[in-house]
Amino acid sequence: MLKKSANWSLDPVLTVEHLTMRFGGLTAVDDLSFNVGRGDITALIGPNGAGKTTVFNCVTGFYKPTEGRIAMRRGRNVPDAMIDDLTRSGKQFEHDKEHAVYLLERMADFKITEVAGVARTFQNIRLFGGMTVLENLLVAQHNKLMNASGLTIGGLFGLPGYRRSAAAAKEKAIEWLRHTRLLERADDPASDLPYGAQRRLEIARAMCTDPALLCLDEPAAGLNPRESAELNTLLRYIRDTHEVSVLLIEHDMGVVMEISDHIIVLDYGKKISDGSAADVRDDPKVIAAYLGVDDEEVEEGEQDLGVKKAGSPRATGGGQGDTA
């Protein structure tokens, strides 16, 4: 059951303000603002080429936005004044005893993961196929292990601090293999897993970095209905048990409408709708964008398609992939 509070406006974990991304004369994202609520599953949807993946690339540091501010907030009810002060200071992040703020547009991609706590999976699976399933999860904890080893010295001599950290890393990996039903495949090469299992392994690997925000790029792509249902269960578990906020791009409207607390809809790089699943499903602008017609043509288009109600699943379906 979806939570009913509009948490994205009350206590956001991520605040995107006036984000713009241009590639030469092409504006892929145009003055976009939205919040990701703490403890929410937020979906970013839209037709092909709407700019969804570009937004992800800006949030996770693969692109430096042309304009705009992307603030990651750690701790409950981070005051806006703290973000404004950090913006004026020119620094990348600031923290006090209760709160921390990170301006992601100023940070390198690996620092966004390591320091700000933002993890990501990709539309095209990017596992280490020659490594075992377990090794893929241990690699995700490499930075912690390197720090614990004193940059390899502790590891070479097997010092107690490193042994404790190595044992904790393996325990965490096994925990996530259990939650993703991959424990029996721990010693198999990752490339030997079926497609749906590889998707789950990617999510498990991301969770081994202890993120506060998990960004998933089309996690249901290529999954059958049973696997999609299992994905929904896993994402709810991540949200509810580990208090991790989730931001996902997804074309499977069954997945989006079932698990999303909050949905943002893009079209040609602009936000056209922002609200609950029910609000977005019944928004004429959203229906028009997916049908590829103007707002005033929605009713005629529905009749042509045999859609009886603006909120029907056929009116909110999407294609595969995202070119922007």
Protein backbone atom coordinates (compact mmCIF):
# COMPACT_ATOMS: atom_id res chain seq x y z
CA MET A 1 0.00 0.00 0.00
CA LEU A 2 1.35 3.41 -0.95
CA LYS A 3 2.10 5.97 1.71
CA LYS A 4 -0.30 8.88 1.66
CA SER A 5 1.91 11.69 2.91
CA ALA A 6 3.45 14.06 0.38
CA ASN A 7 6.87 13.43 1.87
CA TRP A 8 8.68 14.79 -1.16
CA SER A 9 7.59 18.32 -0.26
CA LEU A 10 8.00 18.00 3.52
CA ASP A 11 11.40 16.35 3.97
CA PRO A 12 13.24 15.76 0.68
CA VAL A 13 16.46 13.76 0.50
CA LEU A 14 17.26 15.23 -2.94
CA THR A 15 16.37 18.69 -4.24
CA VAL A 16 16.84 19.46 -7.93
CA GLU A 17 16.43 23.16 -8.76
CA HIS A 18 16.33 24.73 -12.23
CA LEU A 19 18.37 21.94 -13.77
CA THR A 20 19.30 22.64 -17.39
CA MET A 21 21.52 20.51 -19.61
CA ARG A 22 22.49 21.62 -23.10
CA PHE A 23 24.47 19.74 -25.73
CA GLY A 24 25.43 22.40 -28.25
CA GLY A 25 22.14 23.72 -29.61
CA LEU A 26 20.09 20.89 -28.05
CA THR A 27 18.46 21.47 -24.68
CA ALA A 28 17.97 17.97 -23.25
CA VAL A 29 16.70 19.16 -19.84
CA ASP A 30 15.06 22.56 -19.52
CA ASP A 31 14.72 24.34 -16.15
CA LEU A 32 13.67 21.21 -14.24
CA SER A 33 12.89 21.30 -10.51
CA PHE A 34 11.66 18.45 -8.31
CA ASN A 35 12.17 16.77 -4.92
CA VAL A 36 12.77 13.16 -3.98
CA GLY A 37 11.14 12.48 -0.62
CA ARG A 38 13.05 10.81 2.18
CA GLY A 39 11.91 7.19 2.30
CA ASP A 40 9.91 7.48 -0.94
CA ILE A 41 10.03 5.57 -4.20
CA THR A 42 10.03 8.29 -6.86
CA ALA A 43 9.59 7.47 -10.54
CA LEU A 44 10.86 9.66 -13.38
CA ILE A 45 8.86 8.79 -16.49
CA GLY A 46 8.14 10.16 -19.95
CA PRO A 47 8.17 9.26 -23.64
CA ASN A 48 11.35 8.29 -25.46
CA GLY A 49 13.83 11.17 -25.62
CA ALA A 50 12.18 13.07 -22.75
CA GLY A 51 15.52 13.60 -20.96
CA LYS A 52 15.17 11.08 -18.16
CA THR A 53 18.61 9.47 -18.46
CA THR A 54 20.20 12.90 -18.82
CA VAL A 55 18.71 13.84 -15.45
CA PHE A 56 20.16 10.66 -13.94
CA ASN A 57 23.55 11.43 -15.43
CA CYS A 58 23.50 14.89 -13.86
CA VAL A 59 22.43 13.60 -10.44
CA THR A 60 25.11 10.89 -10.40
CA GLY A 61 27.93 13.06 -11.75
CA PHE A 62 28.37 11.61 -15.23
CA TYR A 63 27.37 15.01 -16.64
CA LYS A 64 28.01 18.44 -15.20
CA PRO A 65 24.80 20.40 -15.72
CA THR A 66 24.83 23.60 -17.71
CA GLU A 67 22.79 25.32 -14.99
CA GLY A 68 21.04 24.43 -11.78
CA ARG A 69 21.58 23.06 -8.29
CA ILE A 70 21.37 19.43 -7.13
CA ALA A 71 21.40 19.16 -3.34
CA MET A 72 21.64 15.86 -1.47
CA ARG A 73 20.39 16.16 2.12
CA ARG A 74 21.47 13.74 4.88
CA GLY A 75 19.64 13.88 8.19
CA ARG A 76 16.04 14.72 8.98
CA ASN A 77 14.54 18.09 8.00
CA VAL A 78 17.69 19.71 6.64
CA PRO A 79 17.07 23.50 6.65
CA ASP A 80 17.05 25.25 3.28
CA ALA A 81 19.29 27.94 4.76
CA MET A 82 22.07 25.37 5.09
CA ILE A 83 21.93 24.70 1.35
CA ASP A 84 21.91 28.42 0.54
CA ASP A 85 24.94 29.00 2.79
CA LEU A 86 26.80 26.13 1.12
CA THR A 87 25.98 27.51 -2.34
CA ARG A 88 27.48 30.88 -1.43
CA SER A 89 30.55 29.29 0.14
CA GLY A 90 31.70 27.61 -3.06
CA LYS A 91 32.37 24.32 -1.20
CA GLN A 92 31.12 20.89 -2.22
CA PHE A 93 29.55 19.88 1.07
CA GLU A 94 28.91 20.95 4.65
CA HIS A 95 27.78 19.17 7.79
CA ASP A 96 27.00 19.72 11.43
CA LYS A 97 26.10 17.30 14.25
CA GLU A 98 22.68 16.45 12.78
CA HIS A 99 22.72 17.34 9.08
CA ALA A 100 24.87 17.15 5.97
CA VAL A 101 24.38 18.77 2.57
CA TYR A 102 26.17 17.91 -0.68
CA LEU A 103 26.00 19.93 -3.88
CA LEU A 104 26.28 17.14 -6.44
CA GLU A 105 26.88 19.40 -9.43
CA ARG A 106 30.22 20.32 -7.83
CA MET A 107 31.36 16.78 -7.08
CA ALA A 108 33.09 14.05 -9.08
CA ASP A 109 31.01 10.96 -9.80
CA PHE A 110 32.98 8.65 -7.46
CA LYS A 111 32.69 11.19 -4.63
CA ILE A 112 28.91 11.35 -5.13
CA THR A 113 28.80 7.61 -4.42
CA GLU A 114 31.46 7.44 -1.72
CA VAL A 115 30.71 10.62 0.23
CA ALA A 116 27.16 11.75 -0.61
CA GLY A 117 25.67 8.24 -0.59
CA VAL A 118 24.13 8.07 -4.08
CA ALA A 119 24.28 4.68 -5.83
CA ARG A 120 23.18 3.82 -9.35
CA THR A 121 22.39 0.97 -11.69
CA PHE A 122 22.32 1.27 -15.49
CA GLN A 123 19.86 0.47 -18.25
CA ASN A 124 22.49 -1.81 -19.79
CA ILE A 125 23.75 -4.26 -17.16
CA ARG A 126 27.32 -3.49 -16.07
CA LEU A 127 28.47 -6.39 -13.93
CA PHE A 128 31.97 -7.87 -13.75
CA GLY A 129 31.05 -10.98 -15.71
CA GLY A 130 34.29 -12.84 -15.08
CA MET A 131 34.04 -12.40 -11.31
CA THR A 132 31.81 -14.49 -9.12
CA VAL A 133 28.50 -13.22 -7.84
CA LEU A 134 30.00 -12.77 -4.36
CA GLU A 135 33.09 -10.99 -5.69
CA ASN A 136 30.88 -8.44 -7.46
CA LEU A 137 29.45 -7.44 -4.08
CA LEU A 138 32.86 -7.34 -2.40
CA VAL A 139 34.19 -5.04 -5.13
CA ALA A 140 31.42 -2.59 -4.27
CA GLN A 141 32.97 -2.34 -0.78
CA HIS A 142 36.51 -1.80 -2.08
CA ASN A 143 36.96 1.70 -0.66
CA LYS A 144 36.07 0.65 2.88
CA LEU A 145 38.37 -2.35 2.66
CA MET A 146 41.23 -0.25 1.34
CA ASN A 147 40.83 2.24 4.18
CA ALA A 148 40.69 -0.59 6.71
CA SER A 149 43.88 -2.09 5.26
CA GLY A 150 45.81 1.18 5.53
CA LEU A 151 46.11 1.18 1.74
CA THR A 152 47.10 -2.53 1.51
CA ILE A 153 49.58 -2.80 4.43
CA GLY A 154 46.98 -4.17 6.84
CA GLY A 155 45.73 -6.57 4.21
CA LEU A 156 49.19 -7.90 3.40
CA PHE A 157 49.96 -8.63 7.04
CA GLY A 158 46.44 -9.70 8.00
CA LEU A 159 46.09 -7.15 10.78
CA PRO A 160 43.05 -7.56 13.08
CA GLY A 161 41.33 -4.35 11.91
CA TYR A 162 41.44 -5.44 8.30
CA ARG A 163 40.26 -8.97 9.11
CA ARG A 164 37.25 -7.56 10.94
CA SER A 165 36.41 -5.27 8.02
CA ALA A 166 36.82 -8.09 5.50
CA ALA A 167 34.52 -10.32 7.52
CA ALA A 168 31.92 -7.54 7.81
CA ALA A 169 32.08 -6.93 4.03
CA LYS A 170 31.51 -10.62 3.32
CA GLU A 171 28.64 -10.74 5.81
CA LYS A 172 26.96 -7.75 4.15
CA ALA A 173 27.41 -9.32 0.70
CA ILE A 174 25.87 -12.59 1.88
CA GLU A 175 22.96 -10.69 3.42
CA TRP A 176 22.15 -9.03 0.09
CA LEU A 177 22.59 -12.28 -1.81
CA ARG A 178 20.01 -13.76 0.52
CA HIS A 179 17.56 -10.89 0.01
CA THR A 180 17.95 -11.11 -3.77
CA ARG A 181 17.69 -14.94 -3.81
CA LEU A 182 21.20 -15.35 -5.21
CA LEU A 183 22.96 -17.01 -2.28
CA GLU A 184 23.10 -20.42 -3.98
CA ARG A 185 24.82 -18.79 -6.98
CA ALA A 186 27.45 -16.96 -4.89
CA ASP A 187 30.41 -18.82 -6.43
CA ASP A 188 29.13 -18.77 -10.01
CA PRO A 189 30.45 -16.24 -12.55
CA ALA A 190 28.09 -13.28 -12.76
CA SER A 191 27.84 -13.75 -16.53
CA ASP A 192 26.28 -17.19 -15.99
CA LEU A 193 23.23 -15.75 -14.23
CA PRO A 194 19.97 -15.40 -16.16
CA TYR A 195 18.97 -11.88 -17.12
CA GLY A 196 16.55 -11.25 -14.25
CA ALA A 197 19.08 -12.47 -11.69
CA GLN A 198 21.72 -10.14 -13.13
CA ARG A 199 19.29 -7.26 -12.61
CA ARG A 200 18.90 -8.23 -8.96
CA LEU A 201 22.66 -8.58 -8.56
CA GLU A 202 23.17 -5.04 -9.81
CA ILE A 203 20.75 -3.74 -7.19
CA ALA A 204 22.46 -5.83 -4.49
CA ARG A 205 25.85 -4.45 -5.52
CA ALA A 206 24.55 -0.89 -5.32
CA MET A 207 23.10 -1.54 -1.86
CA CYS A 208 26.47 -2.79 -0.63
CA THR A 209 27.70 0.81 -0.86
CA ASP A 210 25.19 1.79 1.89
CA PRO A 211 23.43 4.47 -0.16
CA ALA A 212 20.91 6.99 1.11
CA LEU A 213 19.57 7.37 -2.45
CA LEU A 214 19.36 4.49 -4.92
CA CYS A 215 19.01 5.50 -8.59
CA LEU A 216 17.72 2.74 -10.86
CA ASP A 217 17.71 3.12 -14.65
CA GLU A 218 14.92 0.89 -16.03
CA PRO A 219 15.29 -1.94 -13.49
CA ALA A 220 12.26 -3.81 -14.93
CA ALA A 221 13.49 -3.73 -18.55
CA GLY A 222 13.39 -7.23 -20.01
CA LEU A 223 11.75 -8.81 -16.96
CA ASN A 224 8.75 -11.10 -17.19
CA PRO A 225 5.66 -10.46 -15.01
CA ARG A 226 6.86 -12.73 -12.20
CA GLU A 227 10.27 -11.07 -12.12
CA SER A 228 8.66 -7.61 -12.16
CA ALA A 229 6.55 -8.57 -9.14
CA GLU A 230 9.69 -9.78 -7.34
CA LEU A 231 11.39 -6.48 -8.19
CA ASN A 232 8.51 -4.57 -6.61
CA THR A 233 8.88 -6.63 -3.44
CA LEU A 234 12.63 -5.99 -3.34
CA LEU A 235 12.28 -2.23 -3.80
CA ARG A 236 9.65 -2.01 -1.06
CA TYR A 237 11.98 -3.96 1.22
CA ILE A 238 14.84 -1.55 0.47
CA ARG A 239 12.62 1.45 1.16
CA ASP A 240 10.88 0.18 4.27
CA THR A 241 13.60 -1.83 6.00
CA HIS A 242 16.74 0.10 5.10
CA GLU A 243 15.15 3.57 4.88
CA VAL A 244 16.73 4.15 1.46
CA SER A 245 15.03 6.56 -0.93
CA VAL A 246 14.65 5.27 -4.49
CA LEU A 247 14.65 7.29 -7.73
CA LEU A 248 13.89 5.21 -10.79
CA ILE A 249 13.41 5.57 -14.52
CA GLU A 250 10.94 3.03 -15.78
CA HIS A 251 8.77 2.36 -18.85
CA ASP A 252 6.81 -0.49 -17.26
CA MET A 253 3.72 1.40 -16.09
CA GLY A 254 2.57 -1.61 -14.08
CA VAL A 255 5.69 -1.31 -11.93
CA VAL A 256 5.53 2.49 -11.76
CA MET A 257 1.89 2.75 -10.74
CA GLU A 258 2.08 -0.06 -8.20
CA ILE A 259 5.10 0.99 -6.15
CA SER A 260 5.67 4.73 -6.69
CA ASP A 261 4.91 7.17 -3.89
CA HIS A 262 5.70 10.07 -6.23
CA ILE A 263 5.92 10.40 -10.02
CA ILE A 264 7.55 13.12 -12.14
CA VAL A 265 6.73 13.20 -15.86
CA LEU A 266 9.05 14.74 -18.46
CA ASP A 267 8.37 15.60 -22.07
CA TYR A 268 11.05 17.17 -24.31
CA GLY A 269 13.13 17.96 -21.23
CA LYS A 270 10.37 19.83 -19.38
CA LYS A 271 8.33 18.72 -16.39
CA ILE A 272 4.67 18.37 -17.33
CA SER A 273 3.33 16.63 -14.22
CA ASP A 274 4.44 16.03 -10.62
CA GLY A 275 2.41 14.22 -7.97
CA SER A 276 1.00 10.92 -6.78
CA ALA A 277 0.34 7.98 -9.09
CA ALA A 278 -3.36 8.81 -9.17
CA ASP A 279 -2.73 12.47 -9.99
CA VAL A 280 -0.32 11.68 -12.81
CA ARG A 281 -2.42 8.88 -14.29
CA ASP A 282 -5.38 11.20 -14.76
CA ASP A 283 -3.41 14.24 -15.98
CA PRO A 284 -4.44 15.16 -19.57
CA LYS A 285 -0.94 16.51 -20.29
CA VAL A 286 0.58 13.14 -19.46
CA ILE A 287 -1.91 11.28 -21.63
CA ALA A 288 -1.27 13.70 -24.49
CA ALA A 289 2.49 13.23 -24.21
CA TYR A 290 2.24 9.44 -24.35
CA LEU A 291 -0.27 9.48 -27.20
CA GLY A 292 1.87 11.98 -29.09
CA VAL A 293 -0.95 14.51 -29.57
CA ASP A 294 -1.89 17.96 -28.32
CA ASP A 295 -3.97 18.26 -25.15
CA GLU A 296 -7.15 19.05 -27.05
CA GLU A 297 -6.73 15.88 -29.10
CA VAL A 298 -6.62 13.58 -26.07
CA GLU A 299 -10.33 12.75 -26.11
CA GLU A 300 -10.31 12.02 -29.81
CA GLY A 301 -7.18 9.89 -29.43
CA GLU A 302 -8.73 7.90 -26.61
CA GLN A 303 -11.76 7.15 -28.76
CA ASP A 304 -9.55 6.05 -31.64
CA LEU A 305 -7.61 3.72 -29.33
CA GLY A 306 -10.72 2.42 -27.61
CA VAL A 307 -9.69 3.91 -24.27
CA LYS A 308 -12.74 4.44 -22.10
CA LYS A 309 -11.09 6.45 -19.35
CA ALA A 310 -8.21 8.88 -19.27
CA GLY A 311 -6.56 6.91 -16.49
CA SER A 312 -6.54 3.55 -18.23
CA PRO A 313 -3.19 1.70 -18.47
CA ARG A 314 -3.28 1.91 -22.28
CA ALA A 315 -3.20 5.68 -22.06
CA THR A 316 -0.07 5.71 -19.92
CA GLY A 317 2.07 3.03 -21.50
CA GLY A 318 5.55 3.73 -22.80
CA GLY A 319 8.13 2.44 -25.24
CA GLN A 320 11.56 1.06 -24.53
CA GLY A 321 14.72 3.10 -24.13
CA ASP A 322 15.51 6.78 -23.75
CA THR A 323 17.61 8.67 -26.18
CA ALA A 324 18.27 11.70 -23.98
